[in-house]
Amino acid sequence: MQFHGVDVSRQFKRMRELAPEAYRAWLAFDKQAFEAGALGTKTKELIALGIAHVTQCPWCIDAHVKRAEKAGASEQELAEVIFVAMAMASGAAWSHGGLMLQCQDQAHAPSAG
């Protein structure tokens, strides 16, 4: 399988060969994180899909949209995820804007000295 020009099967096999313990541990962790618990599988997949949009990971978007649909997510739920991700990303820029202004205030404050 090719994804974004990467031979996924070959490269992931190499990753597994180069760091087998870490690779197995990550797979086990990933499996555990997505098992139904207090949050159901569909909810976890929708969260992952929103995060994938914010982190701009096309592989994660591809994987989690498929897994979300398999878990029963509707087209409307998938569409709402996009807007929640947009709101979170813009909210981060908005809040960091306040931090930037505070840094500017501090940079221009007279020295106490």
Protein backbone atom coordinates (compact mmCIF):
# COMPACT_ATOMS: atom_id res chain seq x y z
CA MET A 1 0.00 0.00 0.00
CA GLN A 2 1.25 3.48 -0.89
CA PHE A 3 0.21 6.52 1.12
CA HIS A 4 1.61 9.96 0.37
CA GLY A 5 4.42 8.34 -1.60
CA VAL A 6 5.44 6.03 1.25
CA ASP A 7 5.48 2.25 0.80
CA VAL A 8 3.67 1.72 4.09
CA SER A 9 4.14 -2.04 4.34
CA ARG A 10 7.87 -1.83 3.67
CA GLN A 11 8.60 1.14 5.90
CA PHE A 12 6.49 -0.01 8.83
CA LYS A 13 8.16 -3.42 8.60
CA ARG A 14 11.52 -1.62 8.80
CA MET A 15 10.32 0.38 11.78
CA ARG A 16 9.27 -2.85 13.51
CA GLU A 17 12.64 -4.47 12.72
CA LEU A 18 14.69 -1.49 13.90
CA ALA A 19 12.85 -1.00 17.21
CA PRO A 20 10.76 -4.11 17.85
CA GLU A 21 10.03 -3.58 21.55
CA ALA A 22 9.00 0.05 21.11
CA TYR A 23 6.93 -0.88 18.06
CA ARG A 24 5.05 -3.63 19.94
CA ALA A 25 4.57 -1.38 22.96
CA TRP A 26 3.14 1.40 20.80
CA LEU A 27 0.74 -1.00 19.05
CA ALA A 28 -0.44 -2.36 22.41
CA PHE A 29 -0.89 1.17 23.79
CA ASP A 30 -2.78 2.30 20.68
CA LYS A 31 -5.08 -0.73 20.88
CA GLN A 32 -5.76 -0.13 24.58
CA ALA A 33 -6.40 3.59 24.09
CA PHE A 34 -9.11 2.91 21.51
CA GLU A 35 -10.93 0.13 23.36
CA ALA A 36 -14.36 1.05 24.62
CA GLY A 37 -14.38 2.20 28.22
CA ALA A 38 -16.03 5.23 29.78
CA LEU A 39 -16.04 6.51 26.18
CA GLY A 40 -17.36 4.32 23.41
CA THR A 41 -15.35 3.40 20.36
CA LYS A 42 -17.25 5.78 18.08
CA THR A 43 -16.65 8.72 20.43
CA LYS A 44 -12.95 7.90 20.66
CA GLU A 45 -12.68 7.68 16.88
CA LEU A 46 -14.45 11.04 16.45
CA ILE A 47 -12.05 12.61 18.96
CA ALA A 48 -9.09 11.09 17.11
CA LEU A 49 -10.42 12.40 13.82
CA GLY A 50 -10.73 15.92 15.22
CA ILE A 51 -7.20 15.77 16.60
CA ALA A 52 -5.95 14.45 13.26
CA HIS A 53 -7.33 17.57 11.59
CA VAL A 54 -5.62 19.87 14.09
CA THR A 55 -2.30 17.99 13.86
CA GLN A 56 -2.76 17.87 10.08
CA CYS A 57 -1.95 14.18 9.81
CA PRO A 58 -3.38 12.84 6.54
CA TRP A 59 -2.63 9.24 7.53
CA CYS A 60 -4.58 9.66 10.77
CA ILE A 61 -7.47 11.33 8.96
CA ASP A 62 -7.61 8.42 6.53
CA ALA A 63 -7.43 5.76 9.24
CA HIS A 64 -9.80 7.36 11.74
CA VAL A 65 -12.52 8.34 9.28
CA LYS A 66 -12.68 4.67 8.25
CA ARG A 67 -12.65 3.49 11.85
CA ALA A 68 -15.26 6.08 12.87
CA GLU A 69 -17.58 4.97 10.07
CA LYS A 70 -17.05 1.33 11.05
CA ALA A 71 -18.00 2.29 14.62
CA GLY A 72 -21.24 3.83 13.34
CA ALA A 73 -20.41 7.50 12.80
CA SER A 74 -22.73 9.28 10.39
CA GLU A 75 -21.75 11.75 7.68
CA GLN A 76 -23.22 14.53 9.82
CA GLU A 77 -21.10 13.52 12.81
CA LEU A 78 -17.99 13.43 10.63
CA ALA A 79 -18.83 16.88 9.24
CA GLU A 80 -19.30 18.32 12.75
CA VAL A 81 -15.88 16.99 13.73
CA ILE A 82 -14.34 19.28 11.11
CA PHE A 83 -15.94 22.35 12.63
CA VAL A 84 -15.03 21.36 16.19
CA ALA A 85 -11.42 20.95 15.01
CA MET A 86 -11.57 24.34 13.30
CA ALA A 87 -12.91 25.95 16.46
CA MET A 88 -10.19 24.35 18.59
CA ALA A 89 -7.42 25.44 16.22
CA SER A 90 -8.73 28.99 16.00
CA GLY A 91 -9.25 29.06 19.76
CA ALA A 92 -5.61 28.14 20.28
CA ALA A 93 -4.51 30.99 18.03
CA TRP A 94 -6.88 33.36 19.83
CA SER A 95 -5.61 32.44 23.30
CA HIS A 96 -1.99 32.58 22.19
CA GLY A 97 -2.73 36.05 20.82
CA GLY A 98 -3.35 37.13 24.41
CA LEU A 99 -0.06 35.55 25.43
CA MET A 100 1.71 37.39 22.62
CA LEU A 101 0.28 40.73 23.73
CA GLN A 102 1.34 40.04 27.32
CA CYS A 103 4.88 39.20 26.11
CA GLN A 104 4.93 42.44 24.17
CA ASP A 105 3.79 44.37 27.26
CA GLN A 106 6.56 42.76 29.30
CA ALA A 107 9.17 43.47 26.61
CA HIS A 108 8.26 47.17 26.64
CA ALA A 109 7.87 47.51 30.41
CA PRO A 110 10.41 49.70 32.15
CA SER A 111 13.06 47.70 33.94
CA ALA A 112 12.84 47.55 37.68
CA GLY A 113 16.33 48.19 38.38
